[in-house]
């Protein structure tokens, strides 16, 4: 009988904390597994914005286009 070995490979962490200049956590950026999008949440868990890697666009919580690169850390720092 053959054995099956399953390995989980992580390219990037699923969740990254963003801190301000004083070291206080202002929010987190998490990767959605199915879509690969990055979602920024403030310290209360409210969605601040989404970065879509496929189109390379960042949108705010209302779906408005913010920019054509990953601007999620800037959105988190601006929203605090």
PDB file of N, CA and C in Angstrom:
ATOM      1  N   UNK A   1       0.830  -1.181   0.000  1.00  0.00           N
ATOM      2  CA  UNK A   1       0.000   0.000   0.000  1.00  0.00           C
ATOM      3  C   UNK A   1       0.872   1.240   0.000  1.00  0.00           C
ATOM      4  N   UNK A   2       0.463   2.205  -0.757  1.00  0.00           N
ATOM      5  CA  UNK A   2       1.203   3.460  -0.817  1.00  0.00           C
ATOM      6  C   UNK A   2       0.662   4.441   0.206  1.00  0.00           C
ATOM      7  N   UNK A   3       1.522   5.252   0.695  1.00  0.00           N
ATOM      8  CA  UNK A   3       1.127   6.268   1.667  1.00  0.00           C
ATOM      9  C   UNK A   3       0.981   7.601   0.966  1.00  0.00           C
ATOM     10  N   UNK A   4       0.000   8.351   1.375  1.00  0.00           N
ATOM     11  CA  UNK A   4      -0.229   9.672   0.807  1.00  0.00           C
ATOM     12  C   UNK A   4       0.257  10.701   1.821  1.00  0.00           C
ATOM     13  N   UNK A   5       1.082  11.584   1.355  1.00  0.00           N
ATOM     14  CA  UNK A   5       1.603  12.636   2.226  1.00  0.00           C
ATOM     15  C   UNK A   5       1.038  13.967   1.749  1.00  0.00           C
ATOM     16  N   UNK A   6       0.383  14.635   2.653  1.00  0.00           N
ATOM     17  CA  UNK A   6      -0.169  15.950   2.338  1.00  0.00           C
ATOM     18  C   UNK A   6       0.696  17.005   2.992  1.00  0.00           C
ATOM     19  N   UNK A   7       1.060  17.991   2.237  1.00  0.00           N
ATOM     20  CA  UNK A   7       1.867  19.080   2.772  1.00  0.00           C
ATOM     21  C   UNK A   7       1.171  20.392   2.466  1.00  0.00           C
ATOM     22  N   UNK A   8       1.167  21.245   3.445  1.00  0.00           N
ATOM     23  CA  UNK A   8       0.584  22.564   3.256  1.00  0.00           C
ATOM     24  C   UNK A   8       1.717  23.557   3.077  1.00  0.00           C
ATOM     25  N   UNK A   9       1.698  24.243   1.968  1.00  0.00           N
ATOM     26  CA  UNK A   9       2.732  25.222   1.662  1.00  0.00           C
ATOM     27  C   UNK A   9       2.113  26.601   1.737  1.00  0.00           C
ATOM     28  N   UNK A  10       2.710  27.456   2.535  1.00  0.00           N
ATOM     29  CA  UNK A  10       2.219  28.823   2.641  1.00  0.00           C
ATOM     30  C   UNK A  10       3.235  29.761   2.014  1.00  0.00           C
ATOM     31  N   UNK A  11       2.790  30.475   0.992  1.00  0.00           N
ATOM     32  CA  UNK A  11       3.656  31.470   0.374  1.00  0.00           C
ATOM     33  C   UNK A  11       3.770  32.697   1.267  1.00  0.00           C
ATOM     34  N   UNK A  12       2.655  33.094   1.807  1.00  0.00           N
ATOM     35  CA  UNK A  12       2.593  34.274   2.664  1.00  0.00           C
ATOM     36  C   UNK A  12       1.699  33.952   3.849  1.00  0.00           C
ATOM     37  N   UNK A  13       1.890  34.639   4.945  1.00  0.00           N
ATOM     38  CA  UNK A  13       1.010  34.380   6.087  1.00  0.00           C
ATOM     39  C   UNK A  13      -0.432  34.751   5.749  1.00  0.00           C
ATOM     40  N   UNK A  14      -1.373  34.048   6.347  1.00  0.00           N
ATOM     41  CA  UNK A  14      -2.787  34.307   6.081  1.00  0.00           C
ATOM     42  C   UNK A  14      -3.246  35.602   6.732  1.00  0.00           C
ATOM     43  N   UNK A  15      -2.534  36.054   7.765  1.00  0.00           N
ATOM     44  CA  UNK A  15      -2.938  37.263   8.482  1.00  0.00           C
ATOM     45  C   UNK A  15      -1.698  38.021   8.922  1.00  0.00           C
ATOM     46  N   UNK A  16      -1.697  39.325   8.670  1.00  0.00           N
ATOM     47  CA  UNK A  16      -0.563  40.176   9.028  1.00  0.00           C
ATOM     48  C   UNK A  16      -1.076  41.399   9.787  1.00  0.00           C
ATOM     49  N   UNK A  17      -0.481  41.669  10.927  1.00  0.00           N
ATOM     50  CA  UNK A  17      -0.876  42.839  11.724  1.00  0.00           C
ATOM     51  C   UNK A  17      -0.151  44.077  11.221  1.00  0.00           C
ATOM     52  N   UNK A  18      -0.854  45.195  11.167  1.00  0.00           N
ATOM     53  CA  UNK A  18      -0.279  46.474  10.760  1.00  0.00           C
ATOM     54  C   UNK A  18      -0.225  47.364  11.997  1.00  0.00           C
ATOM     55  N   UNK A  19       0.940  47.925  12.258  1.00  0.00           N
ATOM     56  CA  UNK A  19       1.148  48.761  13.445  1.00  0.00           C
ATOM     57  C   UNK A  19       1.505  50.183  13.037  1.00  0.00           C
ATOM     58  N   UNK A  20       1.167  51.131  13.914  1.00  0.00           N
ATOM     59  CA  UNK A  20       1.533  52.521  13.665  1.00  0.00           C
ATOM     60  C   UNK A  20       2.936  52.780  14.209  1.00  0.00           C
ATOM     61  N   UNK A  21       3.362  54.031  14.191  1.00  0.00           N
ATOM     62  CA  UNK A  21       4.730  54.384  14.604  1.00  0.00           C
ATOM     63  C   UNK A  21       4.988  54.095  16.085  1.00  0.00           C
ATOM     64  N   UNK A  22       3.924  54.067  16.892  1.00  0.00           N
ATOM     65  CA  UNK A  22       4.073  53.782  18.326  1.00  0.00           C
ATOM     66  C   UNK A  22       4.005  52.294  18.645  1.00  0.00           C
ATOM     67  N   UNK A  23       3.779  51.470  17.616  1.00  0.00           N
ATOM     68  CA  UNK A  23       3.707  50.030  17.826  1.00  0.00           C
ATOM     69  C   UNK A  23       2.318  49.513  18.135  1.00  0.00           C
ATOM     70  N   UNK A  24       1.329  50.373  18.088  1.00  0.00           N
ATOM     71  CA  UNK A  24      -0.051  49.967  18.353  1.00  0.00           C
ATOM     72  C   UNK A  24      -0.642  49.320  17.092  1.00  0.00           C
ATOM     73  N   UNK A  25      -1.364  48.227  17.270  1.00  0.00           N
ATOM     74  CA  UNK A  25      -1.996  47.559  16.132  1.00  0.00           C
ATOM     75  C   UNK A  25      -3.180  48.404  15.667  1.00  0.00           C
ATOM     76  N   UNK A  26      -3.158  48.788  14.378  1.00  0.00           N
ATOM     77  CA  UNK A  26      -4.266  49.566  13.820  1.00  0.00           C
ATOM     78  C   UNK A  26      -5.213  48.684  13.011  1.00  0.00           C
ATOM     79  N   UNK A  27      -4.763  47.490  12.648  1.00  0.00           N
ATOM     80  CA  UNK A  27      -5.608  46.578  11.890  1.00  0.00           C
ATOM     81  C   UNK A  27      -4.832  45.381  11.403  1.00  0.00           C
ATOM     82  N   UNK A  28      -5.509  44.563  10.609  1.00  0.00           N
ATOM     83  CA  UNK A  28      -4.889  43.371  10.040  1.00  0.00           C
ATOM     84  C   UNK A  28      -5.205  43.299   8.555  1.00  0.00           C
ATOM     85  N   UNK A  29      -4.318  42.636   7.832  1.00  0.00           N
ATOM     86  CA  UNK A  29      -4.556  42.329   6.428  1.00  0.00           C
ATOM     87  C   UNK A  29      -4.550  40.816   6.318  1.00  0.00           C
ATOM     88  N   UNK A  30      -5.642  40.276   5.804  1.00  0.00           N
ATOM     89  CA  UNK A  30      -5.749  38.828   5.704  1.00  0.00           C
ATOM     90  C   UNK A  30      -5.990  38.406   4.259  1.00  0.00           C
ATOM     91  N   UNK A  31      -5.473  37.239   3.917  1.00  0.00           N
ATOM     92  CA  UNK A  31      -5.613  36.704   2.562  1.00  0.00           C
ATOM     93  C   UNK A  31      -6.802  35.753   2.537  1.00  0.00           C
ATOM     94  N   UNK A  32      -7.679  35.959   1.560  1.00  0.00           N
ATOM     95  CA  UNK A  32      -8.796  35.041   1.362  1.00  0.00           C
ATOM     96  C   UNK A  32      -8.289  33.855   0.556  1.00  0.00           C
ATOM     97  N   UNK A  33      -8.504  32.670   1.053  1.00  0.00           N
ATOM     98  CA  UNK A  33      -7.935  31.476   0.413  1.00  0.00           C
ATOM     99  C   UNK A  33      -8.508  31.191  -0.961  1.00  0.00           C
ATOM    100  N   UNK A  34      -9.800  31.329  -1.130  1.00  0.00           N
ATOM    101  CA  UNK A  34     -10.421  30.956  -2.397  1.00  0.00           C
ATOM    102  C   UNK A  34     -10.130  31.947  -3.517  1.00  0.00           C
ATOM    103  N   UNK A  35     -10.206  33.231  -3.222  1.00  0.00           N
ATOM    104  CA  UNK A  35     -10.049  34.239  -4.264  1.00  0.00           C
ATOM    105  C   UNK A  35      -8.631  34.790  -4.352  1.00  0.00           C
ATOM    106  N   UNK A  36      -7.870  34.695  -3.268  1.00  0.00           N
ATOM    107  CA  UNK A  36      -6.528  35.263  -3.250  1.00  0.00           C
ATOM    108  C   UNK A  36      -6.512  36.755  -2.975  1.00  0.00           C
ATOM    109  N   UNK A  37      -7.689  37.338  -2.754  1.00  0.00           N
ATOM    110  CA  UNK A  37      -7.752  38.769  -2.451  1.00  0.00           C
ATOM    111  C   UNK A  37      -7.220  39.038  -1.047  1.00  0.00           C
ATOM    112  N   UNK A  38      -6.753  40.259  -0.836  1.00  0.00           N
ATOM    113  CA  UNK A  38      -6.334  40.702   0.482  1.00  0.00           C
ATOM    114  C   UNK A  38      -7.407  41.623   1.045  1.00  0.00           C
ATOM    115  N   UNK A  39      -7.771  41.412   2.304  1.00  0.00           N
ATOM    116  CA  UNK A  39      -8.819  42.203   2.947  1.00  0.00           C
ATOM    117  C   UNK A  39      -8.215  42.908   4.150  1.00  0.00           C
ATOM    118  N   UNK A  40      -8.410  44.217   4.239  1.00  0.00           N
ATOM    119  CA  UNK A  40      -7.925  45.000   5.381  1.00  0.00           C
ATOM    120  C   UNK A  40      -9.075  45.220   6.348  1.00  0.00           C
ATOM    121  N   UNK A  41      -8.812  44.924   7.630  1.00  0.00           N
ATOM    122  CA  UNK A  41      -9.806  45.134   8.687  1.00  0.00           C
ATOM    123  C   UNK A  41      -9.183  46.007   9.769  1.00  0.00           C
ATOM    124  N   UNK A  42      -9.985  46.909  10.324  1.00  0.00           N
ATOM    125  CA  UNK A  42      -9.477  47.734  11.424  1.00  0.00           C
ATOM    126  C   UNK A  42      -9.458  46.914  12.705  1.00  0.00           C
ATOM    127  N   UNK A  43      -9.084  47.530  13.801  1.00  0.00           N
ATOM    128  CA  UNK A  43      -8.948  46.775  15.058  1.00  0.00           C
ATOM    129  C   UNK A  43     -10.273  46.249  15.579  1.00  0.00           C
ATOM    130  N   UNK A  44     -11.393  46.774  15.076  1.00  0.00           N
ATOM    131  CA  UNK A  44     -12.715  46.291  15.476  1.00  0.00           C
ATOM    132  C   UNK A  44     -13.246  45.189  14.562  1.00  0.00           C
ATOM    133  N   UNK A  45     -12.511  44.890  13.483  1.00  0.00           N
ATOM    134  CA  UNK A  45     -12.929  43.859  12.550  1.00  0.00           C
ATOM    135  C   UNK A  45     -13.729  44.360  11.372  1.00  0.00           C
ATOM    136  N   UNK A  46     -13.916  45.666  11.282  1.00  0.00           N
ATOM    137  CA  UNK A  46     -14.655  46.259  10.174  1.00  0.00           C
ATOM    138  C   UNK A  46     -13.786  46.270   8.920  1.00  0.00           C
ATOM    139  N   UNK A  47     -14.346  45.873   7.788  1.00  0.00           N
ATOM    140  CA  UNK A  47     -13.593  45.880   6.534  1.00  0.00           C
ATOM    141  C   UNK A  47     -13.348  47.313   6.102  1.00  0.00           C
ATOM    142  N   UNK A  48     -12.077  47.621   5.829  1.00  0.00           N
ATOM    143  CA  UNK A  48     -11.667  48.953   5.386  1.00  0.00           C
ATOM    144  C   UNK A  48     -11.458  48.981   3.875  1.00  0.00           C
ATOM    145  N   UNK A  49     -10.942  47.879   3.319  1.00  0.00           N
ATOM    146  CA  UNK A  49     -10.689  47.839   1.890  1.00  0.00           C
ATOM    147  C   UNK A  49     -10.301  46.453   1.430  1.00  0.00           C
ATOM    148  N   UNK A  50     -10.253  46.290   0.092  1.00  0.00           N
ATOM    149  CA  UNK A  50      -9.916  45.008  -0.524  1.00  0.00           C
ATOM    150  C   UNK A  50      -8.948  45.259  -1.672  1.00  0.00           C
ATOM    151  N   UNK A  51      -7.896  44.429  -1.727  1.00  0.00           N
ATOM    152  CA  UNK A  51      -6.962  44.470  -2.855  1.00  0.00           C
ATOM    153  C   UNK A  51      -7.171  43.210  -3.673  1.00  0.00           C
ATOM    154  N   UNK A  52      -7.464  43.383  -4.960  1.00  0.00           N
ATOM    155  CA  UNK A  52      -7.659  42.260  -5.871  1.00  0.00           C
ATOM    156  C   UNK A  52      -6.385  42.072  -6.681  1.00  0.00           C
ATOM    157  N   UNK A  53      -5.694  40.957  -6.448  1.00  0.00           N
ATOM    158  CA  UNK A  53      -4.438  40.721  -7.151  1.00  0.00           C
ATOM    159  C   UNK A  53      -4.633  40.536  -8.646  1.00  0.00           C
ATOM    160  N   UNK A  54      -5.766  39.954  -9.023  1.00  0.00           N
ATOM    161  CA  UNK A  54      -6.024  39.694 -10.435  1.00  0.00           C
ATOM    162  C   UNK A  54      -6.043  40.990 -11.257  1.00  0.00           C
ATOM    163  N   UNK A  55      -6.738  42.001 -10.752  1.00  0.00           N
ATOM    164  CA  UNK A  55      -6.838  43.281 -11.465  1.00  0.00           C
ATOM    165  C   UNK A  55      -5.855  44.321 -10.933  1.00  0.00           C
ATOM    166  N   UNK A  56      -5.152  43.967  -9.841  1.00  0.00           N
ATOM    167  CA  UNK A  56      -4.189  44.863  -9.195  1.00  0.00           C
ATOM    168  C   UNK A  56      -4.821  46.199  -8.808  1.00  0.00           C
ATOM    169  N   UNK A  57      -6.003  46.126  -8.216  1.00  0.00           N
ATOM    170  CA  UNK A  57      -6.691  47.345  -7.783  1.00  0.00           C
ATOM    171  C   UNK A  57      -7.043  47.253  -6.306  1.00  0.00           C
ATOM    172  N   UNK A  58      -7.045  48.398  -5.648  1.00  0.00           N
ATOM    173  CA  UNK A  58      -7.470  48.507  -4.255  1.00  0.00           C
ATOM    174  C   UNK A  58      -8.780  49.276  -4.228  1.00  0.00           C
ATOM    175  N   UNK A  59      -9.750  48.737  -3.509  1.00  0.00           N
ATOM    176  CA  UNK A  59     -11.052  49.391  -3.363  1.00  0.00           C
ATOM    177  C   UNK A  59     -11.348  49.583  -1.884  1.00  0.00           C
ATOM    178  N   UNK A  60     -12.054  50.654  -1.561  1.00  0.00           N
ATOM    179  CA  UNK A  60     -12.407  50.902  -0.162  1.00  0.00           C
ATOM    180  C   UNK A  60     -13.620  50.062   0.223  1.00  0.00           C
ATOM    181  N   UNK A  61     -14.125  50.252   1.428  1.00  0.00           N
ATOM    182  CA  UNK A  61     -15.230  49.446   1.939  1.00  0.00           C
ATOM    183  C   UNK A  61     -16.520  49.656   1.149  1.00  0.00           C
ATOM    184  N   UNK A  62     -16.622  50.765   0.418  1.00  0.00           N
ATOM    185  CA  UNK A  62     -17.813  51.061  -0.371  1.00  0.00           C
ATOM    186  C   UNK A  62     -17.668  50.634  -1.823  1.00  0.00           C
ATOM    187  N   UNK A  63     -16.528  50.006  -2.166  1.00  0.00           N
ATOM    188  CA  UNK A  63     -16.308  49.536  -3.523  1.00  0.00           C
ATOM    189  C   UNK A  63     -15.711  50.568  -4.461  1.00  0.00           C
ATOM    190  N   UNK A  64     -15.371  51.746  -3.936  1.00  0.00           N
ATOM    191  CA  UNK A  64     -14.782  52.795  -4.774  1.00  0.00           C
ATOM    192  C   UNK A  64     -13.311  52.505  -5.014  1.00  0.00           C
ATOM    193  N   UNK A  65     -12.859  52.725  -6.243  1.00  0.00           N
ATOM    194  CA  UNK A  65     -11.461  52.506  -6.604  1.00  0.00           C
ATOM    195  C   UNK A  65     -10.574  53.513  -5.884  1.00  0.00           C
ATOM    196  N   UNK A  66      -9.551  52.989  -5.194  1.00  0.00           N
ATOM    197  CA  UNK A  66      -8.611  53.842  -4.466  1.00  0.00           C
ATOM    198  C   UNK A  66      -7.316  53.986  -5.258  1.00  0.00           C
ATOM    199  N   UNK A  67      -6.839  52.898  -5.865  1.00  0.00           N
ATOM    200  CA  UNK A  67      -5.598  52.953  -6.623  1.00  0.00           C
ATOM    201  C   UNK A  67      -5.339  51.654  -7.354  1.00  0.00           C
ATOM    202  N   UNK A  68      -4.236  51.641  -8.094  1.00  0.00           N
ATOM    203  CA  UNK A  68      -3.910  50.479  -8.915  1.00  0.00           C
ATOM    204  C   UNK A  68      -2.744  49.678  -8.346  1.00  0.00           C
ATOM    205  N   UNK A  69      -2.473  49.839  -7.063  1.00  0.00           N
ATOM    206  CA  UNK A  69      -1.485  49.021  -6.367  1.00  0.00           C
ATOM    207  C   UNK A  69      -2.085  48.635  -5.018  1.00  0.00           C
ATOM    208  N   UNK A  70      -1.343  47.873  -4.234  1.00  0.00           N
ATOM    209  CA  UNK A  70      -1.820  47.478  -2.908  1.00  0.00           C
ATOM    210  C   UNK A  70      -1.661  48.656  -1.950  1.00  0.00           C
ATOM    211  N   UNK A  71      -2.752  49.338  -1.660  1.00  0.00           N
ATOM    212  CA  UNK A  71      -2.757  50.494  -0.772  1.00  0.00           C
ATOM    213  C   UNK A  71      -3.440  50.196   0.567  1.00  0.00           C
ATOM    214  N   UNK A  72      -3.589  48.921   0.900  1.00  0.00           N
ATOM    215  CA  UNK A  72      -4.287  48.557   2.132  1.00  0.00           C
ATOM    216  C   UNK A  72      -3.618  49.100   3.399  1.00  0.00           C
ATOM    217  N   UNK A  73      -2.286  49.006   3.535  1.00  0.00           N
ATOM    218  CA  UNK A  73      -1.681  49.598   4.739  1.00  0.00           C
ATOM    219  C   UNK A  73      -1.956  51.095   4.870  1.00  0.00           C
ATOM    220  N   UNK A  74      -1.944  51.802   3.756  1.00  0.00           N
ATOM    221  CA  UNK A  74      -2.236  53.242   3.786  1.00  0.00           C
ATOM    222  C   UNK A  74      -3.686  53.485   4.191  1.00  0.00           C
ATOM    223  N   UNK A  75      -4.615  52.656   3.705  1.00  0.00           N
ATOM    224  CA  UNK A  75      -6.018  52.797   4.088  1.00  0.00           C
ATOM    225  C   UNK A  75      -6.194  52.590   5.596  1.00  0.00           C
ATOM    226  N   UNK A  76      -5.501  51.604   6.134  1.00  0.00           N
ATOM    227  CA  UNK A  76      -5.618  51.334   7.564  1.00  0.00           C
ATOM    228  C   UNK A  76      -5.082  52.494   8.395  1.00  0.00           C
ATOM    229  N   UNK A  77      -3.945  53.022   8.011  1.00  0.00           N
ATOM    230  CA  UNK A  77      -3.365  54.137   8.762  1.00  0.00           C
ATOM    231  C   UNK A  77      -4.201  55.402   8.619  1.00  0.00           C
ATOM    232  N   UNK A  78      -4.798  55.597   7.454  1.00  0.00           N
ATOM    233  CA  UNK A  78      -5.630  56.776   7.214  1.00  0.00           C
ATOM    234  C   UNK A  78      -6.956  56.671   7.980  1.00  0.00           C
ATOM    235  N   UNK A  79      -7.490  55.448   8.117  1.00  0.00           N
ATOM    236  CA  UNK A  79      -8.805  55.259   8.735  1.00  0.00           C
ATOM    237  C   UNK A  79      -8.782  55.362  10.252  1.00  0.00           C
ATOM    238  N   UNK A  80      -7.619  55.263  10.856  1.00  0.00           N
ATOM    239  CA  UNK A  80      -7.588  55.286  12.330  1.00  0.00           C
ATOM    240  C   UNK A  80      -7.844  56.659  12.805  1.00  0.00           C
TER     241      UNK A  80
END
